[in-house]
């Protein structure tokens, strides 16, 4: 059996690391987390943001294989805004504030997206996961992080914040992106 591969996951978010680390264990990949202060381009597209940050991290870490994630929450009523800028919007108005800002619109549908970018000696590889759903009228749930308490995936009556990590990782956009990455690693 080949020794496990090692990836450096560049993130300050411990919860994201836990979800990704657990999912990649059976692909023979150890995932170590480090926090780097990386410049973040302003774009609604999470894949564009993740690719930029991964290239910078790869350069800063002298060619070590790196993994970077960026998420987006594209609101239909707002023509895809805030997308990858969701972190900044939540930082300014909070979860309840985002819910209230959608009140004037009847369409509360949204697309949640995760873009993982693996950057290694062969270049950048992007893995996307997405989930349609709605933004609820007020935050619900004590699990998860970020905007999990706001997003109710299509076909479910609970938000990600109302689901335990194990349940969420069976259906979430991160689970889809990590599975695509896992398959890539198994084939490499």
C-alpha atoms as a PDB file:
ATOM      1  CA  UNK A   1       0.000   0.000   0.000  1.00  0.00           C
ATOM      2  CA  UNK A   2       1.312   3.437  -0.924  1.00  0.00           C
ATOM      3  CA  UNK A   3       1.943   5.910   1.887  1.00  0.00           C
ATOM      4  CA  UNK A   4      -0.789   8.498   2.377  1.00  0.00           C
ATOM      5  CA  UNK A   5      -0.576  11.688   0.404  1.00  0.00           C
ATOM      6  CA  UNK A   6      -0.415  14.960   2.252  1.00  0.00           C
ATOM      7  CA  UNK A   7      -2.360  18.068   1.326  1.00  0.00           C
ATOM      8  CA  UNK A   8      -2.185  21.395   3.037  1.00  0.00           C
ATOM      9  CA  UNK A   9      -5.652  22.875   3.415  1.00  0.00           C
ATOM     10  CA  UNK A  10      -5.274  26.628   3.595  1.00  0.00           C
ATOM     11  CA  UNK A  11      -8.070  27.930   5.786  1.00  0.00           C
ATOM     12  CA  UNK A  12      -8.682  29.541   9.130  1.00  0.00           C
ATOM     13  CA  UNK A  13     -11.967  27.619   9.407  1.00  0.00           C
ATOM     14  CA  UNK A  14     -11.601  24.539  11.627  1.00  0.00           C
ATOM     15  CA  UNK A  15     -15.099  23.265  10.759  1.00  0.00           C
ATOM     16  CA  UNK A  16     -14.347  23.216   7.021  1.00  0.00           C
ATOM     17  CA  UNK A  17     -11.128  21.351   7.797  1.00  0.00           C
ATOM     18  CA  UNK A  18     -12.976  18.723   9.855  1.00  0.00           C
ATOM     19  CA  UNK A  19     -15.465  18.089   7.049  1.00  0.00           C
ATOM     20  CA  UNK A  20     -12.804  17.830   4.357  1.00  0.00           C
ATOM     21  CA  UNK A  21     -10.295  15.828   6.431  1.00  0.00           C
ATOM     22  CA  UNK A  22     -12.876  13.195   7.338  1.00  0.00           C
ATOM     23  CA  UNK A  23     -14.048  12.832   3.743  1.00  0.00           C
ATOM     24  CA  UNK A  24     -10.531  12.381   2.309  1.00  0.00           C
ATOM     25  CA  UNK A  25      -9.216   9.840   4.811  1.00  0.00           C
ATOM     26  CA  UNK A  26     -10.440   6.903   2.737  1.00  0.00           C
ATOM     27  CA  UNK A  27      -8.645   8.300  -0.325  1.00  0.00           C
ATOM     28  CA  UNK A  28      -5.319   7.836   1.443  1.00  0.00           C
ATOM     29  CA  UNK A  29      -4.870  11.570   1.886  1.00  0.00           C
ATOM     30  CA  UNK A  30      -3.890  13.322   5.076  1.00  0.00           C
ATOM     31  CA  UNK A  31      -5.146  16.884   5.241  1.00  0.00           C
ATOM     32  CA  UNK A  32      -3.232  19.341   7.386  1.00  0.00           C
ATOM     33  CA  UNK A  33      -4.684  22.801   7.979  1.00  0.00           C
ATOM     34  CA  UNK A  34      -2.761  26.035   8.080  1.00  0.00           C
ATOM     35  CA  UNK A  35      -4.011  29.590   8.076  1.00  0.00           C
ATOM     36  CA  UNK A  36      -2.365  31.974   5.655  1.00  0.00           C
ATOM     37  CA  UNK A  37      -3.330  35.565   5.137  1.00  0.00           C
ATOM     38  CA  UNK A  38      -3.987  35.411   1.400  1.00  0.00           C
ATOM     39  CA  UNK A  39      -5.250  38.234  -0.762  1.00  0.00           C
ATOM     40  CA  UNK A  40      -8.775  37.575  -1.946  1.00  0.00           C
ATOM     41  CA  UNK A  41      -9.947  38.900  -5.275  1.00  0.00           C
ATOM     42  CA  UNK A  42     -13.444  40.309  -5.406  1.00  0.00           C
ATOM     43  CA  UNK A  43     -15.640  38.119  -7.571  1.00  0.00           C
ATOM     44  CA  UNK A  44     -19.079  36.565  -7.336  1.00  0.00           C
ATOM     45  CA  UNK A  45     -17.585  33.293  -8.668  1.00  0.00           C
ATOM     46  CA  UNK A  46     -16.213  31.018  -5.909  1.00  0.00           C
ATOM     47  CA  UNK A  47     -14.122  29.027  -8.433  1.00  0.00           C
ATOM     48  CA  UNK A  48     -12.313  32.170  -9.560  1.00  0.00           C
ATOM     49  CA  UNK A  49     -11.591  33.179  -5.950  1.00  0.00           C
ATOM     50  CA  UNK A  50     -10.436  29.664  -4.962  1.00  0.00           C
ATOM     51  CA  UNK A  51      -8.121  29.345  -7.977  1.00  0.00           C
ATOM     52  CA  UNK A  52      -6.481  32.690  -7.256  1.00  0.00           C
ATOM     53  CA  UNK A  53      -5.955  31.902  -3.562  1.00  0.00           C
ATOM     54  CA  UNK A  54      -4.659  28.395  -4.343  1.00  0.00           C
ATOM     55  CA  UNK A  55      -2.060  29.731  -6.785  1.00  0.00           C
ATOM     56  CA  UNK A  56      -0.856  32.259  -4.216  1.00  0.00           C
ATOM     57  CA  UNK A  57      -0.727  29.614  -1.446  1.00  0.00           C
ATOM     58  CA  UNK A  58       1.180  27.214  -3.711  1.00  0.00           C
ATOM     59  CA  UNK A  59       3.763  29.929  -4.383  1.00  0.00           C
ATOM     60  CA  UNK A  60       4.049  30.928  -0.712  1.00  0.00           C
ATOM     61  CA  UNK A  61       4.476  27.293   0.382  1.00  0.00           C
ATOM     62  CA  UNK A  62       7.231  26.613  -2.165  1.00  0.00           C
ATOM     63  CA  UNK A  63       5.338  24.130  -4.291  1.00  0.00           C
ATOM     64  CA  UNK A  64       3.667  22.066  -1.551  1.00  0.00           C
ATOM     65  CA  UNK A  65       0.339  20.615  -2.771  1.00  0.00           C
ATOM     66  CA  UNK A  66      -2.381  22.899  -1.420  1.00  0.00           C
ATOM     67  CA  UNK A  67      -6.134  22.843  -1.219  1.00  0.00           C
ATOM     68  CA  UNK A  68      -8.216  26.004  -0.977  1.00  0.00           C
ATOM     69  CA  UNK A  69     -11.971  26.342  -0.713  1.00  0.00           C
ATOM     70  CA  UNK A  70     -14.292  29.192  -1.419  1.00  0.00           C
ATOM     71  CA  UNK A  71     -18.047  29.221  -1.014  1.00  0.00           C
ATOM     72  CA  UNK A  72     -20.778  31.242  -2.577  1.00  0.00           C
ATOM     73  CA  UNK A  73     -24.424  31.885  -1.926  1.00  0.00           C
ATOM     74  CA  UNK A  74     -26.107  33.216  -5.064  1.00  0.00           C
ATOM     75  CA  UNK A  75     -29.534  34.700  -4.372  1.00  0.00           C
ATOM     76  CA  UNK A  76     -31.899  34.531  -7.337  1.00  0.00           C
ATOM     77  CA  UNK A  77     -33.716  37.770  -6.403  1.00  0.00           C
ATOM     78  CA  UNK A  78     -30.380  39.594  -6.403  1.00  0.00           C
ATOM     79  CA  UNK A  79     -29.094  38.189  -9.720  1.00  0.00           C
ATOM     80  CA  UNK A  80     -26.486  35.969  -8.045  1.00  0.00           C
ATOM     81  CA  UNK A  81     -25.289  38.442  -5.440  1.00  0.00           C
ATOM     82  CA  UNK A  82     -23.593  38.046  -2.991  1.00  0.00           C
ATOM     83  CA  UNK A  83     -22.043  34.851  -4.422  1.00  0.00           C
ATOM     84  CA  UNK A  84     -18.476  34.505  -3.148  1.00  0.00           C
ATOM     85  CA  UNK A  85     -18.853  37.811  -1.305  1.00  0.00           C
ATOM     86  CA  UNK A  86     -21.205  36.183   1.234  1.00  0.00           C
ATOM     87  CA  UNK A  87     -18.585  36.270   4.000  1.00  0.00           C
ATOM     88  CA  UNK A  88     -18.383  40.046   3.739  1.00  0.00           C
ATOM     89  CA  UNK A  89     -22.159  40.513   3.592  1.00  0.00           C
ATOM     90  CA  UNK A  90     -22.662  38.369   6.705  1.00  0.00           C
ATOM     91  CA  UNK A  91     -19.868  40.251   8.453  1.00  0.00           C
ATOM     92  CA  UNK A  92     -21.718  43.504   7.798  1.00  0.00           C
ATOM     93  CA  UNK A  93     -25.362  42.555   8.430  1.00  0.00           C
ATOM     94  CA  UNK A  94     -25.304  39.174  10.182  1.00  0.00           C
ATOM     95  CA  UNK A  95     -27.512  36.175   9.575  1.00  0.00           C
ATOM     96  CA  UNK A  96     -30.750  37.797  10.740  1.00  0.00           C
ATOM     97  CA  UNK A  97     -29.925  40.904   8.715  1.00  0.00           C
ATOM     98  CA  UNK A  98     -29.531  38.908   5.500  1.00  0.00           C
ATOM     99  CA  UNK A  99     -32.865  37.185   6.115  1.00  0.00           C
ATOM    100  CA  UNK A 100     -34.565  40.567   6.683  1.00  0.00           C
ATOM    101  CA  UNK A 101     -32.980  42.102   3.561  1.00  0.00           C
ATOM    102  CA  UNK A 102     -34.729  39.469   1.442  1.00  0.00           C
ATOM    103  CA  UNK A 103     -38.174  40.255   2.899  1.00  0.00           C
ATOM    104  CA  UNK A 104     -39.210  42.610   0.041  1.00  0.00           C
ATOM    105  CA  UNK A 105     -38.716  39.795  -2.509  1.00  0.00           C
ATOM    106  CA  UNK A 106     -41.082  36.862  -2.919  1.00  0.00           C
ATOM    107  CA  UNK A 107     -38.325  34.720  -4.432  1.00  0.00           C
ATOM    108  CA  UNK A 108     -36.035  33.474  -1.646  1.00  0.00           C
ATOM    109  CA  UNK A 109     -34.346  30.810  -3.787  1.00  0.00           C
ATOM    110  CA  UNK A 110     -30.587  30.505  -3.746  1.00  0.00           C
ATOM    111  CA  UNK A 111     -27.764  28.388  -5.105  1.00  0.00           C
ATOM    112  CA  UNK A 112     -25.073  27.338  -2.630  1.00  0.00           C
ATOM    113  CA  UNK A 113     -21.713  26.566  -4.210  1.00  0.00           C
ATOM    114  CA  UNK A 114     -18.383  25.249  -2.987  1.00  0.00           C
ATOM    115  CA  UNK A 115     -15.284  25.433  -5.144  1.00  0.00           C
ATOM    116  CA  UNK A 116     -12.247  23.426  -4.079  1.00  0.00           C
ATOM    117  CA  UNK A 117      -8.998  24.146  -5.835  1.00  0.00           C
ATOM    118  CA  UNK A 118      -6.149  21.664  -5.580  1.00  0.00           C
ATOM    119  CA  UNK A 119      -2.906  23.223  -6.736  1.00  0.00           C
ATOM    120  CA  UNK A 120       0.048  20.898  -7.173  1.00  0.00           C
ATOM    121  CA  UNK A 121       2.929  20.311  -9.583  1.00  0.00           C
ATOM    122  CA  UNK A 122       0.490  19.586 -12.422  1.00  0.00           C
ATOM    123  CA  UNK A 123      -1.359  22.884 -11.946  1.00  0.00           C
ATOM    124  CA  UNK A 124      -4.754  23.902 -10.648  1.00  0.00           C
ATOM    125  CA  UNK A 125      -7.679  21.485 -10.481  1.00  0.00           C
ATOM    126  CA  UNK A 126     -11.138  22.815  -9.629  1.00  0.00           C
ATOM    127  CA  UNK A 127     -13.918  20.714  -8.067  1.00  0.00           C
ATOM    128  CA  UNK A 128     -17.400  22.227  -7.780  1.00  0.00           C
ATOM    129  CA  UNK A 129     -20.394  21.237  -5.712  1.00  0.00           C
ATOM    130  CA  UNK A 130     -23.700  23.076  -5.706  1.00  0.00           C
ATOM    131  CA  UNK A 131     -27.073  22.787  -4.043  1.00  0.00           C
ATOM    132  CA  UNK A 132     -30.304  24.636  -4.784  1.00  0.00           C
ATOM    133  CA  UNK A 133     -32.407  25.786  -1.865  1.00  0.00           C
ATOM    134  CA  UNK A 134     -34.009  28.765  -0.166  1.00  0.00           C
ATOM    135  CA  UNK A 135     -33.067  31.352   2.407  1.00  0.00           C
ATOM    136  CA  UNK A 136     -35.329  30.907   5.427  1.00  0.00           C
ATOM    137  CA  UNK A 137     -37.157  33.798   7.102  1.00  0.00           C
ATOM    138  CA  UNK A 138     -34.963  33.696  10.196  1.00  0.00           C
ATOM    139  CA  UNK A 139     -31.858  31.682  11.173  1.00  0.00           C
ATOM    140  CA  UNK A 140     -32.531  28.125  12.371  1.00  0.00           C
ATOM    141  CA  UNK A 141     -30.190  25.593  13.913  1.00  0.00           C
ATOM    142  CA  UNK A 142     -27.170  25.358  16.148  1.00  0.00           C
ATOM    143  CA  UNK A 143     -24.914  23.212  13.981  1.00  0.00           C
ATOM    144  CA  UNK A 144     -22.563  24.164  11.195  1.00  0.00           C
ATOM    145  CA  UNK A 145     -21.007  27.535  10.516  1.00  0.00           C
ATOM    146  CA  UNK A 146     -21.186  30.539   8.223  1.00  0.00           C
ATOM    147  CA  UNK A 147     -24.616  30.712   6.659  1.00  0.00           C
ATOM    148  CA  UNK A 148     -25.690  27.110   7.418  1.00  0.00           C
ATOM    149  CA  UNK A 149     -28.569  28.368   9.607  1.00  0.00           C
ATOM    150  CA  UNK A 150     -29.981  30.406   6.692  1.00  0.00           C
ATOM    151  CA  UNK A 151     -29.906  27.854   3.885  1.00  0.00           C
ATOM    152  CA  UNK A 152     -32.535  25.145   3.528  1.00  0.00           C
ATOM    153  CA  UNK A 153     -31.558  22.758   0.739  1.00  0.00           C
ATOM    154  CA  UNK A 154     -34.183  21.799  -1.816  1.00  0.00           C
ATOM    155  CA  UNK A 155     -36.176  18.737  -0.788  1.00  0.00           C
ATOM    156  CA  UNK A 156     -35.493  19.194   2.941  1.00  0.00           C
ATOM    157  CA  UNK A 157     -37.490  20.884   5.687  1.00  0.00           C
ATOM    158  CA  UNK A 158     -34.410  21.770   7.764  1.00  0.00           C
ATOM    159  CA  UNK A 159     -31.493  24.121   7.246  1.00  0.00           C
ATOM    160  CA  UNK A 160     -27.909  22.884   7.182  1.00  0.00           C
ATOM    161  CA  UNK A 161     -27.657  24.452  10.639  1.00  0.00           C
ATOM    162  CA  UNK A 162     -30.320  22.049  11.888  1.00  0.00           C
ATOM    163  CA  UNK A 163     -28.391  19.034  10.579  1.00  0.00           C
ATOM    164  CA  UNK A 164     -25.490  17.324  12.298  1.00  0.00           C
ATOM    165  CA  UNK A 165     -22.210  17.347  10.363  1.00  0.00           C
ATOM    166  CA  UNK A 166     -22.543  13.691   9.306  1.00  0.00           C
ATOM    167  CA  UNK A 167     -26.001  14.278   7.823  1.00  0.00           C
ATOM    168  CA  UNK A 168     -25.012  17.516   6.125  1.00  0.00           C
ATOM    169  CA  UNK A 169     -21.942  15.873   4.580  1.00  0.00           C
ATOM    170  CA  UNK A 170     -24.176  13.342   2.830  1.00  0.00           C
ATOM    171  CA  UNK A 171     -26.012  16.035   0.844  1.00  0.00           C
ATOM    172  CA  UNK A 172     -24.151  19.357   0.917  1.00  0.00           C
ATOM    173  CA  UNK A 173     -22.381  21.190  -1.870  1.00  0.00           C
ATOM    174  CA  UNK A 174     -19.100  20.665   0.039  1.00  0.00           C
ATOM    175  CA  UNK A 175     -19.768  16.914   0.054  1.00  0.00           C
ATOM    176  CA  UNK A 176     -20.172  16.976  -3.745  1.00  0.00           C
ATOM    177  CA  UNK A 177     -16.965  18.948  -4.295  1.00  0.00           C
ATOM    178  CA  UNK A 178     -14.992  16.786  -1.845  1.00  0.00           C
ATOM    179  CA  UNK A 179     -16.280  13.608  -3.518  1.00  0.00           C
ATOM    180  CA  UNK A 180     -15.093  14.879  -6.917  1.00  0.00           C
ATOM    181  CA  UNK A 181     -11.698  15.685  -5.369  1.00  0.00           C
ATOM    182  CA  UNK A 182     -11.581  12.279  -3.661  1.00  0.00           C
ATOM    183  CA  UNK A 183     -12.218  10.504  -6.982  1.00  0.00           C
ATOM    184  CA  UNK A 184      -9.493  12.604  -8.619  1.00  0.00           C
ATOM    185  CA  UNK A 185      -7.024  11.632  -5.880  1.00  0.00           C
ATOM    186  CA  UNK A 186      -7.912   7.951  -6.146  1.00  0.00           C
ATOM    187  CA  UNK A 187      -7.338   8.029  -9.919  1.00  0.00           C
ATOM    188  CA  UNK A 188      -4.048   9.965  -9.686  1.00  0.00           C
END
